[in-house]
Protein backbone atom coordinates (compact mmCIF):
# COMPACT_ATOMS: atom_id res chain seq x y z
CA VAL A 1 -42.28 -26.26 -30.87
CA LYS A 2 -43.92 -29.54 -29.91
CA GLU A 3 -41.26 -31.54 -31.74
CA VAL A 4 -38.46 -29.65 -30.01
CA ALA A 5 -40.18 -30.11 -26.64
CA ASN A 6 -40.44 -33.86 -27.31
CA LEU A 7 -36.69 -34.27 -27.83
CA SER A 8 -35.29 -36.30 -24.93
CA LEU A 9 -32.63 -33.71 -24.14
CA VAL A 10 -35.09 -30.82 -24.07
CA SER A 11 -37.80 -32.75 -22.25
CA SER A 12 -35.48 -34.04 -19.53
CA ALA A 13 -33.84 -30.61 -19.16
CA CYS A 14 -37.29 -29.07 -18.65
CA ASP A 15 -38.09 -31.74 -16.06
CA VAL A 16 -34.86 -30.97 -14.18
CA VAL A 17 -35.50 -27.21 -14.24
CA SER A 18 -39.12 -27.70 -13.22
CA ALA A 19 -38.14 -29.90 -10.28
CA ALA A 20 -35.50 -27.39 -9.17
CA TYR A 21 -38.02 -24.55 -9.46
CA ALA A 22 -40.63 -26.43 -7.42
CA SER A 23 -38.06 -27.38 -4.80
CA THR A 24 -36.84 -23.80 -4.53
CA LYS A 25 -40.39 -22.51 -4.12
CA GLU A 26 -41.03 -25.04 -1.36
CA SER A 27 -37.77 -24.31 0.46
CA HIS A 28 -37.88 -20.51 0.38
CA PRO A 29 -41.18 -18.83 1.34
CA TYR A 30 -40.08 -15.37 0.19
CA LEU A 31 -39.13 -16.66 -3.23
CA ARG A 32 -42.41 -18.57 -3.38
CA SER A 33 -44.43 -15.37 -3.13
CA VAL A 34 -42.29 -13.67 -5.80
CA CYS A 35 -42.58 -16.72 -8.08
CA ASP A 36 -46.35 -16.93 -7.55
CA ALA A 37 -46.74 -13.26 -8.49
CA ALA A 38 -44.55 -13.73 -11.57
CA GLU A 39 -46.55 -16.81 -12.61
CA LYS A 40 -49.83 -14.88 -12.32
CA GLY A 41 -48.37 -12.03 -14.36
CA VAL A 42 -47.16 -14.37 -17.09
CA GLN A 43 -50.53 -16.13 -17.15
CA SER A 44 -52.39 -12.82 -17.52
CA VAL A 45 -50.09 -11.63 -20.31
CA THR A 46 -50.39 -14.99 -22.08
CA GLU A 47 -54.19 -14.92 -21.96
CA ALA A 48 -54.34 -11.32 -23.19
CA THR A 49 -51.85 -11.99 -25.97
CA ALA A 50 -53.61 -15.17 -27.09
CA SER A 51 -56.90 -13.36 -27.69
CA CYS A 52 -55.17 -10.59 -29.68
CA VAL A 53 -52.94 -12.89 -31.70
CA GLN A 54 -55.60 -15.43 -32.68
CA PRO A 55 -57.01 -13.42 -35.64
CA VAL A 56 -53.49 -12.76 -36.95
CA LEU A 57 -52.59 -16.45 -36.69
CA ALA A 58 -55.71 -17.41 -38.61
CA THR A 59 -54.64 -15.10 -41.43
CA LEU A 60 -51.07 -16.39 -41.41
CA GLU A 61 -52.00 -20.08 -41.03
CA PRO A 62 -50.75 -21.20 -44.48
CA HIS A 63 -47.41 -19.48 -43.91
CA VAL A 64 -47.12 -20.90 -40.40
CA ALA A 65 -47.84 -24.39 -41.73
CA ALA A 66 -45.14 -24.05 -44.38
CA ALA A 67 -42.64 -22.75 -41.84
CA SER A 68 -43.57 -25.56 -39.47
CA GLU A 69 -42.97 -28.20 -42.15
CA TYR A 70 -39.63 -26.64 -43.07
CA ALA A 71 -38.61 -26.49 -39.39
CA SER A 72 -39.66 -30.12 -38.90
CA LYS A 73 -37.43 -31.28 -41.75
CA GLY A 74 -34.54 -29.22 -40.38
CA LEU A 75 -35.08 -30.71 -36.95
CA GLU A 76 -34.98 -34.22 -38.39
CA LYS A 77 -31.65 -33.49 -40.08
CA LEU A 78 -30.32 -31.95 -36.89
CA GLY A 79 -31.39 -35.03 -34.93
CA GLU A 80 -29.51 -37.26 -37.38
CA LYS A 81 -26.33 -35.20 -37.06
CA LEU A 82 -26.60 -34.72 -33.29
CA PRO A 83 -27.78 -37.96 -31.68
CA LEU A 84 -27.12 -36.23 -28.36
CA LEU A 85 -30.54 -34.60 -28.74
CA GLN A 86 -32.19 -38.00 -28.32
CA LYS A 87 -30.57 -38.61 -24.91
CA PRO A 88 -31.86 -37.35 -21.56
CA VAL A 89 -29.73 -34.92 -19.57
CA GLU A 90 -28.96 -37.54 -16.91
CA GLN A 91 -27.48 -39.90 -19.51
CA ILE A 92 -25.43 -37.13 -21.10
CA LEU A 93 -24.01 -36.19 -17.70
CA SER A 94 -23.28 -39.82 -16.89
CA ASP A 95 -21.59 -40.42 -20.25
CA THR A 96 -19.53 -37.24 -19.83
CA LYS A 97 -18.40 -38.23 -16.34
CA GLU A 98 -17.48 -41.69 -17.61
CA LEU A 99 -15.53 -40.18 -20.49
CA LEU A 100 -13.70 -37.63 -18.35
CA SER A 101 -13.02 -39.75 -15.28
CA PRO A 102 -9.89 -41.49 -16.63
CA ARG A 103 -8.55 -38.17 -17.92
CA VAL A 104 -9.06 -36.51 -14.54
CA ALA A 105 -7.28 -39.43 -12.86
CA ASP A 106 -4.37 -39.03 -15.30
CA VAL A 107 -4.14 -35.33 -14.52
CA LYS A 108 -4.23 -36.01 -10.76
CA ASP A 109 -1.44 -38.55 -11.15
CA ALA A 110 0.64 -36.16 -13.23
CA VAL A 111 0.19 -33.33 -10.73
CA SER A 112 0.97 -35.50 -7.72
CA SER A 113 4.13 -36.88 -9.30
């Protein structure tokens, strides 16, 4: 999970969503109260679940470690095949706009003629 979260694409996408969430909470007082209540509920459930799951995780630790290693290798291979994962969202959007801009201009020209 940490490795996936550290991918530029995932990390920057989380930053964008987080900023939008914070902005929405600041701009809309009614949504802020709903979001605050939801956050408290999630926090309570997370804390309760963590205490119950801890003994199970301790028992399954060798299996979790093996699965984690396997997932890490798979993620490396995926990163090699999809270099897009190493780019932040802003760069992907910029590259896409740059790539599509001439095509959109061509379509506009074709439609206008």
